[in-house]
Amino acid sequence: MDLDHLLTLIRDGESENVEFKREPSRTLHREIAAFANTEGGYIIIGVDDDGNIIGTDVKAALEMVTSALSAIIPPPQIAIRKPSINGRNLLVIEVQKGASLCSVGGVVYIRVGTGIRPLSIQ
């Protein structure tokens, strides 16, 4: 991913394939799994919901991503990038669409619009 592509993702805002996070949340594992269970996408940490680039502590964010991945069965394929824009560090997690469903604690999550929800039998 080049810088122009990243800026385009941020400018276009959150969608079914893009999620902004000011900082990593305790539900990061569910969000990563939901992307893997739908069409894949990007989680951009260091950007607020309005698309403002605020930056993040990349080291702390990486630790939370590592912890989140350990809770997902099977682990999804991801790529992590650490770009800097105007002196503000971001962490970009690119989640690939999974070949099989990923679960967290036995629950399968999917991405619907800009949110996630558990997959129902229906």
PDB file of N, CA and C in Angstrom:
ATOM      1  N   MET A   1       0.840  -1.174   0.000  1.00  0.00           N
ATOM      2  CA  MET A   1       0.000   0.000   0.000  1.00  0.00           C
ATOM      3  C   MET A   1       0.889   1.243   0.000  1.00  0.00           C
ATOM      4  N   ASP A   2       0.637   2.119  -0.949  1.00  0.00           N
ATOM      5  CA  ASP A   2       1.410   3.357  -0.974  1.00  0.00           C
ATOM      6  C   ASP A   2       0.648   4.451  -0.216  1.00  0.00           C
ATOM      7  N   LEU A   3       1.322   5.563   0.000  1.00  0.00           N
ATOM      8  CA  LEU A   3       0.753   6.656   0.776  1.00  0.00           C
ATOM      9  C   LEU A   3      -0.502   7.222   0.115  1.00  0.00           C
ATOM     10  N   ASP A   4      -0.531   7.326  -1.212  1.00  0.00           N
ATOM     11  CA  ASP A   4      -1.717   7.849  -1.907  1.00  0.00           C
ATOM     12  C   ASP A   4      -2.934   6.956  -1.665  1.00  0.00           C
ATOM     13  N   HIS A   5      -2.725   5.644  -1.706  1.00  0.00           N
ATOM     14  CA  HIS A   5      -3.830   4.711  -1.459  1.00  0.00           C
ATOM     15  C   HIS A   5      -4.362   4.876  -0.032  1.00  0.00           C
ATOM     16  N   LEU A   6      -3.452   4.996   0.930  1.00  0.00           N
ATOM     17  CA  LEU A   6      -3.852   5.198   2.321  1.00  0.00           C
ATOM     18  C   LEU A   6      -4.638   6.489   2.490  1.00  0.00           C
ATOM     19  N   LEU A   7      -4.150   7.569   1.909  1.00  0.00           N
ATOM     20  CA  LEU A   7      -4.857   8.852   2.010  1.00  0.00           C
ATOM     21  C   LEU A   7      -6.240   8.782   1.363  1.00  0.00           C
ATOM     22  N   THR A   8      -6.362   8.039   0.270  1.00  0.00           N
ATOM     23  CA  THR A   8      -7.667   7.857  -0.376  1.00  0.00           C
ATOM     24  C   THR A   8      -8.616   7.097   0.541  1.00  0.00           C
ATOM     25  N   LEU A   9      -8.121   6.035   1.187  1.00  0.00           N
ATOM     26  CA  LEU A   9      -8.960   5.276   2.125  1.00  0.00           C
ATOM     27  C   LEU A   9      -9.461   6.178   3.248  1.00  0.00           C
ATOM     28  N   ILE A  10      -8.564   7.002   3.792  1.00  0.00           N
ATOM     29  CA  ILE A  10      -8.942   7.894   4.886  1.00  0.00           C
ATOM     30  C   ILE A  10      -9.939   8.941   4.394  1.00  0.00           C
ATOM     31  N   ARG A  11      -9.673   9.522   3.235  1.00  0.00           N
ATOM     32  CA  ARG A  11     -10.562  10.554   2.688  1.00  0.00           C
ATOM     33  C   ARG A  11     -11.964  10.002   2.405  1.00  0.00           C
ATOM     34  N   ASP A  12     -12.038   8.750   1.919  1.00  0.00           N
ATOM     35  CA  ASP A  12     -13.339   8.159   1.586  1.00  0.00           C
ATOM     36  C   ASP A  12     -14.145   7.759   2.818  1.00  0.00           C
ATOM     37  N   GLY A  13     -13.505   7.641   3.969  1.00  0.00           N
ATOM     38  CA  GLY A  13     -14.208   7.363   5.214  1.00  0.00           C
ATOM     39  C   GLY A  13     -14.445   5.883   5.465  1.00  0.00           C
ATOM     40  N   GLU A  14     -15.056   5.627   6.613  1.00  0.00           N
ATOM     41  CA  GLU A  14     -15.332   4.250   7.003  1.00  0.00           C
ATOM     42  C   GLU A  14     -16.365   3.622   6.071  1.00  0.00           C
ATOM     43  N   SER A  15     -16.200   2.315   5.897  1.00  0.00           N
ATOM     44  CA  SER A  15     -17.110   1.580   5.016  1.00  0.00           C
ATOM     45  C   SER A  15     -17.106   0.121   5.453  1.00  0.00           C
ATOM     46  N   GLU A  16     -17.677  -0.725   4.633  1.00  0.00           N
ATOM     47  CA  GLU A  16     -17.676  -2.151   4.934  1.00  0.00           C
ATOM     48  C   GLU A  16     -16.255  -2.720   4.897  1.00  0.00           C
ATOM     49  N   ASN A  17     -15.333  -2.008   4.216  1.00  0.00           N
ATOM     50  CA  ASN A  17     -13.957  -2.497   4.081  1.00  0.00           C
ATOM     51  C   ASN A  17     -12.918  -1.652   4.801  1.00  0.00           C
ATOM     52  N   VAL A  18     -13.346  -0.596   5.491  1.00  0.00           N
ATOM     53  CA  VAL A  18     -12.405   0.295   6.178  1.00  0.00           C
ATOM     54  C   VAL A  18     -12.969   0.676   7.547  1.00  0.00           C
ATOM     55  N   GLU A  19     -12.131   0.531   8.569  1.00  0.00           N
ATOM     56  CA  GLU A  19     -12.502   0.900   9.941  1.00  0.00           C
ATOM     57  C   GLU A  19     -11.416   1.804  10.500  1.00  0.00           C
ATOM     58  N   PHE A  20     -11.816   2.917  11.115  1.00  0.00           N
ATOM     59  CA  PHE A  20     -10.882   3.823  11.771  1.00  0.00           C
ATOM     60  C   PHE A  20     -10.928   3.579  13.273  1.00  0.00           C
ATOM     61  N   LYS A  21      -9.771   3.673  13.909  1.00  0.00           N
ATOM     62  CA  LYS A  21      -9.662   3.549  15.357  1.00  0.00           C
ATOM     63  C   LYS A  21      -8.724   4.633  15.866  1.00  0.00           C
ATOM     64  N   ARG A  22      -9.151   5.362  16.882  1.00  0.00           N
ATOM     65  CA  ARG A  22      -8.242   6.312  17.536  1.00  0.00           C
ATOM     66  C   ARG A  22      -7.086   5.542  18.160  1.00  0.00           C
ATOM     67  N   GLU A  23      -7.426   4.413  18.779  1.00  0.00           N
ATOM     68  CA  GLU A  23      -6.461   3.519  19.411  1.00  0.00           C
ATOM     69  C   GLU A  23      -7.048   2.113  19.383  1.00  0.00           C
ATOM     70  N   PRO A  24      -6.232   1.091  19.554  1.00  0.00           N
ATOM     71  CA  PRO A  24      -6.779  -0.269  19.517  1.00  0.00           C
ATOM     72  C   PRO A  24      -7.768  -0.470  20.667  1.00  0.00           C
ATOM     73  N   SER A  25      -8.826  -1.171  20.382  1.00  0.00           N
ATOM     74  CA  SER A  25      -9.851  -1.402  21.399  1.00  0.00           C
ATOM     75  C   SER A  25      -9.807  -2.838  21.905  1.00  0.00           C
ATOM     76  N   ARG A  26     -10.549  -3.093  22.978  1.00  0.00           N
ATOM     77  CA  ARG A  26     -10.616  -4.443  23.531  1.00  0.00           C
ATOM     78  C   ARG A  26     -11.377  -5.391  22.620  1.00  0.00           C
ATOM     79  N   THR A  27     -12.058  -4.876  21.618  1.00  0.00           N
ATOM     80  CA  THR A  27     -12.811  -5.721  20.682  1.00  0.00           C
ATOM     81  C   THR A  27     -12.074  -5.896  19.354  1.00  0.00           C
ATOM     82  N   LEU A  28     -10.802  -5.555  19.325  1.00  0.00           N
ATOM     83  CA  LEU A  28     -10.033  -5.629  18.090  1.00  0.00           C
ATOM     84  C   LEU A  28     -10.056  -7.036  17.494  1.00  0.00           C
ATOM     85  N   HIS A  29     -10.002  -8.062  18.329  1.00  0.00           N
ATOM     86  CA  HIS A  29     -10.023  -9.440  17.832  1.00  0.00           C
ATOM     87  C   HIS A  29     -11.314  -9.739  17.066  1.00  0.00           C
ATOM     88  N   ARG A  30     -12.440  -9.227  17.546  1.00  0.00           N
ATOM     89  CA  ARG A  30     -13.718  -9.428  16.846  1.00  0.00           C
ATOM     90  C   ARG A  30     -13.724  -8.709  15.502  1.00  0.00           C
ATOM     91  N   GLU A  31     -13.161  -7.513  15.480  1.00  0.00           N
ATOM     92  CA  GLU A  31     -13.145  -6.726  14.249  1.00  0.00           C
ATOM     93  C   GLU A  31     -12.254  -7.361  13.188  1.00  0.00           C
ATOM     94  N   ILE A  32     -11.092  -7.850  13.608  1.00  0.00           N
ATOM     95  CA  ILE A  32     -10.207  -8.529  12.654  1.00  0.00           C
ATOM     96  C   ILE A  32     -10.901  -9.768  12.105  1.00  0.00           C
ATOM     97  N   ALA A  33     -11.508 -10.566  12.981  1.00  0.00           N
ATOM     98  CA  ALA A  33     -12.213 -11.779  12.543  1.00  0.00           C
ATOM     99  C   ALA A  33     -13.364 -11.431  11.605  1.00  0.00           C
ATOM    100  N   ALA A  34     -14.102 -10.361  11.907  1.00  0.00           N
ATOM    101  CA  ALA A  34     -15.235  -9.965  11.062  1.00  0.00           C
ATOM    102  C   ALA A  34     -14.776  -9.598   9.652  1.00  0.00           C
ATOM    103  N   PHE A  35     -13.672  -8.888   9.536  1.00  0.00           N
ATOM    104  CA  PHE A  35     -13.131  -8.568   8.207  1.00  0.00           C
ATOM    105  C   PHE A  35     -12.744  -9.850   7.474  1.00  0.00           C
ATOM    106  N   ALA A  36     -12.067 -10.766   8.181  1.00  0.00           N
ATOM    107  CA  ALA A  36     -11.641 -12.022   7.556  1.00  0.00           C
ATOM    108  C   ALA A  36     -12.844 -12.850   7.098  1.00  0.00           C
ATOM    109  N   ASN A  37     -13.955 -12.745   7.813  1.00  0.00           N
ATOM    110  CA  ASN A  37     -15.145 -13.536   7.494  1.00  0.00           C
ATOM    111  C   ASN A  37     -16.023 -12.897   6.432  1.00  0.00           C
ATOM    112  N   THR A  38     -15.723 -11.679   6.021  1.00  0.00           N
ATOM    113  CA  THR A  38     -16.485 -11.046   4.938  1.00  0.00           C
ATOM    114  C   THR A  38     -15.555 -10.894   3.741  1.00  0.00           C
ATOM    115  N   GLU A  39     -15.260  -9.702   3.352  1.00  0.00           N
ATOM    116  CA  GLU A  39     -14.450  -9.487   2.146  1.00  0.00           C
ATOM    117  C   GLU A  39     -13.041  -8.990   2.442  1.00  0.00           C
ATOM    118  N   GLY A  40     -12.651  -8.983   3.721  1.00  0.00           N
ATOM    119  CA  GLY A  40     -11.357  -8.423   4.077  1.00  0.00           C
ATOM    120  C   GLY A  40     -11.454  -6.909   4.158  1.00  0.00           C
ATOM    121  N   GLY A  41     -10.355  -6.267   4.498  1.00  0.00           N
ATOM    122  CA  GLY A  41     -10.364  -4.814   4.567  1.00  0.00           C
ATOM    123  C   GLY A  41      -9.231  -4.270   5.411  1.00  0.00           C
ATOM    124  N   TYR A  42      -9.380  -3.016   5.803  1.00  0.00           N
ATOM    125  CA  TYR A  42      -8.326  -2.282   6.503  1.00  0.00           C
ATOM    126  C   TYR A  42      -8.836  -1.739   7.829  1.00  0.00           C
ATOM    127  N   ILE A  43      -8.036  -1.919   8.865  1.00  0.00           N
ATOM    128  CA  ILE A  43      -8.264  -1.252  10.143  1.00  0.00           C
ATOM    129  C   ILE A  43      -7.117  -0.265  10.280  1.00  0.00           C
ATOM    130  N   ILE A  44      -7.455   1.007  10.365  1.00  0.00           N
ATOM    131  CA  ILE A  44      -6.434   2.060  10.423  1.00  0.00           C
ATOM    132  C   ILE A  44      -6.470   2.661  11.821  1.00  0.00           C
ATOM    133  N   ILE A  45      -5.421   2.404  12.587  1.00  0.00           N
ATOM    134  CA  ILE A  45      -5.337   2.882  13.966  1.00  0.00           C
ATOM    135  C   ILE A  45      -4.547   4.180  13.986  1.00  0.00           C
ATOM    136  N   GLY A  46      -5.148   5.198  14.619  1.00  0.00           N
ATOM    137  CA  GLY A  46      -4.545   6.527  14.678  1.00  0.00           C
ATOM    138  C   GLY A  46      -5.356   7.542  13.900  1.00  0.00           C
ATOM    139  N   VAL A  47      -6.587   7.144  13.522  1.00  0.00           N
ATOM    140  CA  VAL A  47      -7.499   8.018  12.789  1.00  0.00           C
ATOM    141  C   VAL A  47      -8.839   7.999  13.526  1.00  0.00           C
ATOM    142  N   ASP A  48      -9.434   9.176  13.766  1.00  0.00           N
ATOM    143  CA  ASP A  48     -10.726   9.193  14.456  1.00  0.00           C
ATOM    144  C   ASP A  48     -11.871   8.931  13.472  1.00  0.00           C
ATOM    145  N   ASP A  49     -13.080   8.798  13.984  1.00  0.00           N
ATOM    146  CA  ASP A  49     -14.234   8.436  13.155  1.00  0.00           C
ATOM    147  C   ASP A  49     -14.539   9.455  12.061  1.00  0.00           C
ATOM    148  N   ASP A  50     -14.065  10.691  12.223  1.00  0.00           N
ATOM    149  CA  ASP A  50     -14.288  11.724  11.214  1.00  0.00           C
ATOM    150  C   ASP A  50     -13.185  11.770  10.164  1.00  0.00           C
ATOM    151  N   GLY A  51     -12.208  10.865  10.273  1.00  0.00           N
ATOM    152  CA  GLY A  51     -11.119  10.823   9.297  1.00  0.00           C
ATOM    153  C   GLY A  51      -9.959  11.737   9.626  1.00  0.00           C
ATOM    154  N   ASN A  52      -9.924  12.274  10.849  1.00  0.00           N
ATOM    155  CA  ASN A  52      -8.798  13.120  11.264  1.00  0.00           C
ATOM    156  C   ASN A  52      -7.629  12.237  11.693  1.00  0.00           C
ATOM    157  N   ILE A  53      -6.458  12.520  11.176  1.00  0.00           N
ATOM    158  CA  ILE A  53      -5.258  11.753  11.510  1.00  0.00           C
ATOM    159  C   ILE A  53      -4.703  12.287  12.822  1.00  0.00           C
ATOM    160  N   ILE A  54      -4.772  11.451  13.871  1.00  0.00           N
ATOM    161  CA  ILE A  54      -4.330  11.885  15.195  1.00  0.00           C
ATOM    162  C   ILE A  54      -3.064  11.165  15.650  1.00  0.00           C
ATOM    163  N   GLY A  55      -2.749  10.041  15.018  1.00  0.00           N
ATOM    164  CA  GLY A  55      -1.565   9.277  15.378  1.00  0.00           C
ATOM    165  C   GLY A  55      -1.826   8.324  16.529  1.00  0.00           C
ATOM    166  N   THR A  56      -0.888   7.398  16.720  1.00  0.00           N
ATOM    167  CA  THR A  56      -1.016   6.402  17.778  1.00  0.00           C
ATOM    168  C   THR A  56       0.362   5.957  18.239  1.00  0.00           C
ATOM    169  N   ASP A  57       0.406   5.317  19.381  1.00  0.00           N
ATOM    170  CA  ASP A  57       1.626   4.690  19.885  1.00  0.00           C
ATOM    171  C   ASP A  57       1.722   3.339  19.173  1.00  0.00           C
ATOM    172  N   VAL A  58       2.549   3.262  18.148  1.00  0.00           N
ATOM    173  CA  VAL A  58       2.625   2.075  17.292  1.00  0.00           C
ATOM    174  C   VAL A  58       3.051   0.841  18.081  1.00  0.00           C
ATOM    175  N   LYS A  59       4.005   0.979  18.985  1.00  0.00           N
ATOM    176  CA  LYS A  59       4.475  -0.175  19.754  1.00  0.00           C
ATOM    177  C   LYS A  59       3.342  -0.761  20.593  1.00  0.00           C
ATOM    178  N   ALA A  60       2.612   0.071  21.300  1.00  0.00           N
ATOM    179  CA  ALA A  60       1.490  -0.405  22.121  1.00  0.00           C
ATOM    180  C   ALA A  60       0.389  -0.999  21.247  1.00  0.00           C
ATOM    181  N   ALA A  61       0.135  -0.369  20.097  1.00  0.00           N
ATOM    182  CA  ALA A  61      -0.890  -0.878  19.183  1.00  0.00           C
ATOM    183  C   ALA A  61      -0.508  -2.253  18.643  1.00  0.00           C
ATOM    184  N   LEU A  62       0.774  -2.440  18.298  1.00  0.00           N
ATOM    185  CA  LEU A  62       1.250  -3.743  17.804  1.00  0.00           C
ATOM    186  C   LEU A  62       1.076  -4.835  18.858  1.00  0.00           C
ATOM    187  N   GLU A  63       1.328  -4.503  20.112  1.00  0.00           N
ATOM    188  CA  GLU A  63       1.141  -5.476  21.191  1.00  0.00           C
ATOM    189  C   GLU A  63      -0.324  -5.893  21.286  1.00  0.00           C
ATOM    190  N   MET A  64      -1.238  -4.945  21.136  1.00  0.00           N
ATOM    191  CA  MET A  64      -2.665  -5.275  21.198  1.00  0.00           C
ATOM    192  C   MET A  64      -3.090  -6.109  19.990  1.00  0.00           C
ATOM    193  N   VAL A  65      -2.522  -5.832  18.826  1.00  0.00           N
ATOM    194  CA  VAL A  65      -2.837  -6.619  17.632  1.00  0.00           C
ATOM    195  C   VAL A  65      -2.363  -8.057  17.825  1.00  0.00           C
ATOM    196  N   THR A  66      -1.161  -8.226  18.323  1.00  0.00           N
ATOM    197  CA  THR A  66      -0.624  -9.565  18.575  1.00  0.00           C
ATOM    198  C   THR A  66      -1.509 -10.331  19.553  1.00  0.00           C
ATOM    199  N   SER A  67      -1.922  -9.668  20.599  1.00  0.00           N
ATOM    200  CA  SER A  67      -2.813 -10.290  21.582  1.00  0.00           C
ATOM    201  C   SER A  67      -4.158 -10.645  20.951  1.00  0.00           C
ATOM    202  N   ALA A  68      -4.687  -9.746  20.134  1.00  0.00           N
ATOM    203  CA  ALA A  68      -5.977  -9.986  19.472  1.00  0.00           C
ATOM    204  C   ALA A  68      -5.897 -11.189  18.545  1.00  0.00           C
ATOM    205  N   LEU A  69      -4.814 -11.315  17.801  1.00  0.00           N
ATOM    206  CA  LEU A  69      -4.660 -12.424  16.856  1.00  0.00           C
ATOM    207  C   LEU A  69      -4.634 -13.773  17.564  1.00  0.00           C
ATOM    208  N   SER A  70      -4.098 -13.808  18.780  1.00  0.00           N
ATOM    209  CA  SER A  70      -4.011 -15.075  19.512  1.00  0.00           C
ATOM    210  C   SER A  70      -5.390 -15.590  19.924  1.00  0.00           C
ATOM    211  N   ALA A  71      -6.405 -14.729  19.887  1.00  0.00           N
ATOM    212  CA  ALA A  71      -7.759 -15.126  20.281  1.00  0.00           C
ATOM    213  C   ALA A  71      -8.601 -15.599  19.101  1.00  0.00           C
ATOM    214  N   ILE A  72      -8.071 -15.529  17.883  1.00  0.00           N
ATOM    215  CA  ILE A  72      -8.845 -15.864  16.681  1.00  0.00           C
ATOM    216  C   ILE A  72      -8.424 -17.236  16.162  1.00  0.00           C
ATOM    217  N   ILE A  73      -9.440 -18.101  15.943  1.00  0.00           N
ATOM    218  CA  ILE A  73      -9.195 -19.462  15.450  1.00  0.00           C
ATOM    219  C   ILE A  73      -9.965 -19.668  14.152  1.00  0.00           C
ATOM    220  N   PRO A  74      -9.350 -20.078  13.057  1.00  0.00           N
ATOM    221  CA  PRO A  74      -7.919 -20.065  12.799  1.00  0.00           C
ATOM    222  C   PRO A  74      -7.437 -18.621  12.613  1.00  0.00           C
ATOM    223  N   PRO A  75      -6.154 -18.374  12.834  1.00  0.00           N
ATOM    224  CA  PRO A  75      -5.639 -17.009  12.686  1.00  0.00           C
ATOM    225  C   PRO A  75      -5.791 -16.524  11.242  1.00  0.00           C
ATOM    226  N   PRO A  76      -6.297 -15.320  11.060  1.00  0.00           N
ATOM    227  CA  PRO A  76      -6.442 -14.790   9.698  1.00  0.00           C
ATOM    228  C   PRO A  76      -5.108 -14.310   9.137  1.00  0.00           C
ATOM    229  N   GLN A  77      -5.057 -14.172   7.826  1.00  0.00           N
ATOM    230  CA  GLN A  77      -3.886 -13.618   7.156  1.00  0.00           C
ATOM    231  C   GLN A  77      -3.977 -12.092   7.217  1.00  0.00           C
ATOM    232  N   ILE A  78      -2.955 -11.460   7.761  1.00  0.00           N
ATOM    233  CA  ILE A  78      -2.937 -10.001   7.832  1.00  0.00           C
ATOM    234  C   ILE A  78      -1.583  -9.484   7.366  1.00  0.00           C
ATOM    235  N   ALA A  79      -1.570  -8.215   6.998  1.00  0.00           N
ATOM    236  CA  ALA A  79      -0.331  -7.490   6.721  1.00  0.00           C
ATOM    237  C   ALA A  79      -0.383  -6.221   7.559  1.00  0.00           C
ATOM    238  N   ILE A  80       0.722  -5.885   8.187  1.00  0.00           N
ATOM    239  CA  ILE A  80       0.774  -4.701   9.045  1.00  0.00           C
ATOM    240  C   ILE A  80       1.748  -3.701   8.447  1.00  0.00           C
ATOM    241  N   ARG A  81       1.297  -2.462   8.389  1.00  0.00           N
ATOM    242  CA  ARG A  81       2.155  -1.372   7.913  1.00  0.00           C
ATOM    243  C   ARG A  81       2.174  -0.278   8.969  1.00  0.00           C
ATOM    244  N   LYS A  82       3.288   0.470   9.011  1.00  0.00           N
ATOM    245  CA  LYS A  82       3.461   1.524  10.011  1.00  0.00           C
ATOM    246  C   LYS A  82       3.818   2.843   9.327  1.00  0.00           C
ATOM    247  N   PRO A  83       2.878   3.417   8.575  1.00  0.00           N
ATOM    248  CA  PRO A  83       3.183   4.681   7.899  1.00  0.00           C
ATOM    249  C   PRO A  83       3.144   5.869   8.862  1.00  0.00           C
ATOM    250  N   SER A  84       3.731   6.946   8.425  1.00  0.00           N
ATOM    251  CA  SER A  84       3.700   8.201   9.165  1.00  0.00           C
ATOM    252  C   SER A  84       3.202   9.288   8.214  1.00  0.00           C
ATOM    253  N   ILE A  85       2.226  10.067   8.679  1.00  0.00           N
ATOM    254  CA  ILE A  85       1.674  11.167   7.879  1.00  0.00           C
ATOM    255  C   ILE A  85       1.781  12.438   8.705  1.00  0.00           C
ATOM    256  N   ASN A  86       2.483  13.416   8.179  1.00  0.00           N
ATOM    257  CA  ASN A  86       2.687  14.695   8.870  1.00  0.00           C
ATOM    258  C   ASN A  86       3.205  14.499  10.293  1.00  0.00           C
ATOM    259  N   GLY A  87       4.132  13.557  10.457  1.00  0.00           N
ATOM    260  CA  GLY A  87       4.720  13.314  11.765  1.00  0.00           C
ATOM    261  C   GLY A  87       3.860  12.505  12.714  1.00  0.00           C
ATOM    262  N   ARG A  88       2.721  12.037  12.249  1.00  0.00           N
ATOM    263  CA  ARG A  88       1.832  11.226  13.090  1.00  0.00           C
ATOM    264  C   ARG A  88       1.911   9.775  12.624  1.00  0.00           C
ATOM    265  N   ASN A  89       2.210   8.891  13.572  1.00  0.00           N
ATOM    266  CA  ASN A  89       2.357   7.475  13.250  1.00  0.00           C
ATOM    267  C   ASN A  89       1.009   6.767  13.244  1.00  0.00           C
ATOM    268  N   LEU A  90       0.830   5.925  12.245  1.00  0.00           N
ATOM    269  CA  LEU A  90      -0.386   5.124  12.125  1.00  0.00           C
ATOM    270  C   LEU A  90       0.003   3.651  12.104  1.00  0.00           C
ATOM    271  N   LEU A  91      -0.970   2.809  12.404  1.00  0.00           N
ATOM    272  CA  LEU A  91      -0.806   1.371  12.235  1.00  0.00           C
ATOM    273  C   LEU A  91      -1.953   0.912  11.346  1.00  0.00           C
ATOM    274  N   VAL A  92      -1.604   0.306  10.216  1.00  0.00           N
ATOM    275  CA  VAL A  92      -2.609  -0.162   9.262  1.00  0.00           C
ATOM    276  C   VAL A  92      -2.579  -1.682   9.258  1.00  0.00           C
ATOM    277  N   ILE A  93      -3.730  -2.275   9.536  1.00  0.00           N
ATOM    278  CA  ILE A  93      -3.865  -3.724   9.507  1.00  0.00           C
ATOM    279  C   ILE A  93      -4.693  -4.067   8.274  1.00  0.00           C
ATOM    280  N   GLU A  94      -4.080  -4.749   7.328  1.00  0.00           N
ATOM    281  CA  GLU A  94      -4.811  -5.213   6.150  1.00  0.00           C
ATOM    282  C   GLU A  94      -5.184  -6.663   6.402  1.00  0.00           C
ATOM    283  N   VAL A  95      -6.489  -6.930   6.474  1.00  0.00           N
ATOM    284  CA  VAL A  95      -6.994  -8.271   6.757  1.00  0.00           C
ATOM    285  C   VAL A  95      -7.450  -8.900   5.446  1.00  0.00           C
ATOM    286  N   GLN A  96      -6.926 -10.080   5.152  1.00  0.00           N
ATOM    287  CA  GLN A  96      -7.326 -10.804   3.946  1.00  0.00           C
ATOM    288  C   GLN A  96      -8.607 -11.587   4.212  1.00  0.00           C
ATOM    289  N   LYS A  97      -9.413 -11.745   3.182  1.00  0.00           N
ATOM    290  CA  LYS A  97     -10.590 -12.591   3.299  1.00  0.00           C
ATOM    291  C   LYS A  97     -10.123 -14.010   3.604  1.00  0.00           C
ATOM    292  N   GLY A  98     -10.720 -14.641   4.616  1.00  0.00           N
ATOM    293  CA  GLY A  98     -10.304 -15.972   5.020  1.00  0.00           C
ATOM    294  C   GLY A  98     -10.839 -17.062   4.112  1.00  0.00           C
ATOM    295  N   ALA A  99     -10.098 -18.160   4.048  1.00  0.00           N
ATOM    296  CA  ALA A  99     -10.542 -19.332   3.284  1.00  0.00           C
ATOM    297  C   ALA A  99     -11.583 -20.114   4.074  1.00  0.00           C
ATOM    298  N   SER A 100     -11.565 -19.961   5.410  1.00  0.00           N
ATOM    299  CA  SER A 100     -12.567 -20.589   6.266  1.00  0.00           C
ATOM    300  C   SER A 100     -12.967 -19.572   7.326  1.00  0.00           C
ATOM    301  N   LEU A 101     -14.079 -19.836   8.001  1.00  0.00           N
ATOM    302  CA  LEU A 101     -14.576 -18.896   8.998  1.00  0.00           C
ATOM    303  C   LEU A 101     -13.658 -18.841  10.216  1.00  0.00           C
ATOM    304  N   CYS A 102     -13.396 -17.632  10.670  1.00  0.00           N
ATOM    305  CA  CYS A 102     -12.602 -17.402  11.873  1.00  0.00           C
ATOM    306  C   CYS A 102     -13.559 -17.145  13.030  1.00  0.00           C
ATOM    307  N   SER A 103     -13.239 -17.678  14.201  1.00  0.00           N
ATOM    308  CA  SER A 103     -14.108 -17.459  15.352  1.00  0.00           C
ATOM    309  C   SER A 103     -13.317 -16.916  16.532  1.00  0.00           C
ATOM    310  N   VAL A 104     -14.042 -16.282  17.422  1.00  0.00           N
ATOM    311  CA  VAL A 104     -13.481 -15.752  18.661  1.00  0.00           C
ATOM    312  C   VAL A 104     -14.325 -16.344  19.783  1.00  0.00           C
ATOM    313  N   GLY A 105     -13.722 -17.214  20.576  1.00  0.00           N
ATOM    314  CA  GLY A 105     -14.478 -17.852  21.656  1.00  0.00           C
ATOM    315  C   GLY A 105     -15.655 -18.663  21.147  1.00  0.00           C
ATOM    316  N   GLY A 106     -15.531 -19.232  19.959  1.00  0.00           N
ATOM    317  CA  GLY A 106     -16.601 -20.038  19.382  1.00  0.00           C
ATOM    318  C   GLY A 106     -17.672 -19.243  18.660  1.00  0.00           C
ATOM    319  N   VAL A 107     -17.532 -17.929  18.607  1.00  0.00           N
ATOM    320  CA  VAL A 107     -18.505 -17.063  17.931  1.00  0.00           C
ATOM    321  C   VAL A 107     -17.879 -16.540  16.641  1.00  0.00           C
ATOM    322  N   VAL A 108     -18.634 -16.598  15.547  1.00  0.00           N
ATOM    323  CA  VAL A 108     -18.186 -16.090  14.257  1.00  0.00           C
ATOM    324  C   VAL A 108     -18.785 -14.697  14.069  1.00  0.00           C
ATOM    325  N   TYR A 109     -17.944 -13.709  13.795  1.00  0.00           N
ATOM    326  CA  TYR A 109     -18.389 -12.330  13.570  1.00  0.00           C
ATOM    327  C   TYR A 109     -18.256 -11.982  12.101  1.00  0.00           C
ATOM    328  N   ILE A 110     -19.173 -11.130  11.631  1.00  0.00           N
ATOM    329  CA  ILE A 110     -19.106 -10.640  10.264  1.00  0.00           C
ATOM    330  C   ILE A 110     -19.218  -9.120  10.271  1.00  0.00           C
ATOM    331  N   ARG A 111     -18.754  -8.530   9.204  1.00  0.00           N
ATOM    332  CA  ARG A 111     -18.821  -7.073   9.030  1.00  0.00           C
ATOM    333  C   ARG A 111     -20.091  -6.753   8.262  1.00  0.00           C
ATOM    334  N   VAL A 112     -20.901  -5.851   8.807  1.00  0.00           N
ATOM    335  CA  VAL A 112     -22.121  -5.402   8.147  1.00  0.00           C
ATOM    336  C   VAL A 112     -22.086  -3.876   8.147  1.00  0.00           C
ATOM    337  N   GLY A 113     -21.961  -3.288   6.970  1.00  0.00           N
ATOM    338  CA  GLY A 113     -21.818  -1.834   6.898  1.00  0.00           C
ATOM    339  C   GLY A 113     -20.541  -1.426   7.597  1.00  0.00           C
ATOM    340  N   THR A 114     -20.667  -0.520   8.578  1.00  0.00           N
ATOM    341  CA  THR A 114     -19.488  -0.072   9.318  1.00  0.00           C
ATOM    342  C   THR A 114     -19.408  -0.714  10.701  1.00  0.00           C
ATOM    343  N   GLY A 115     -20.200  -1.764  10.926  1.00  0.00           N
ATOM    344  CA  GLY A 115     -20.192  -2.432  12.223  1.00  0.00           C
ATOM    345  C   GLY A 115     -19.953  -3.924  12.088  1.00  0.00           C
ATOM    346  N   ILE A 116     -19.936  -4.589  13.231  1.00  0.00           N
ATOM    347  CA  ILE A 116     -19.799  -6.039  13.238  1.00  0.00           C
ATOM    348  C   ILE A 116     -20.965  -6.632  14.014  1.00  0.00           C
ATOM    349  N   ARG A 117     -21.252  -7.904  13.714  1.00  0.00           N
ATOM    350  CA  ARG A 117     -22.277  -8.615  14.465  1.00  0.00           C
ATOM    351  C   ARG A 117     -21.980 -10.100  14.397  1.00  0.00           C
ATOM    352  N   PRO A 118     -22.499 -10.853  15.384  1.00  0.00           N
ATOM    353  CA  PRO A 118     -22.319 -12.299  15.325  1.00  0.00           C
ATOM    354  C   PRO A 118     -23.114 -12.867  14.137  1.00  0.00           C
ATOM    355  N   LEU A 119     -22.558 -13.867  13.521  1.00  0.00           N
ATOM    356  CA  LEU A 119     -23.231 -14.540  12.420  1.00  0.00           C
ATOM    357  C   LEU A 119     -24.318 -15.433  12.999  1.00  0.00           C
ATOM    358  N   SER A 120     -25.523 -15.304  12.502  1.00  0.00           N
ATOM    359  CA  SER A 120     -26.617 -16.148  12.983  1.00  0.00           C
ATOM    360  C   SER A 120     -26.795 -17.342  12.059  1.00  0.00           C
ATOM    361  N   ILE A 121     -27.467 -18.347  12.537  1.00  0.00           N
ATOM    362  CA  ILE A 121     -27.705 -19.543  11.731  1.00  0.00           C
ATOM    363  C   ILE A 121     -28.539 -19.219  10.502  1.00  0.00           C
ATOM    364  N   GLN A 122     -29.445 -18.252  10.608  1.00  0.00           N
ATOM    365  CA  GLN A 122     -30.274 -17.869   9.480  1.00  0.00           C
ATOM    366  C   GLN A 122     -29.418 -17.289   8.382  1.00  0.00           C
TER     367      GLN A 122
END
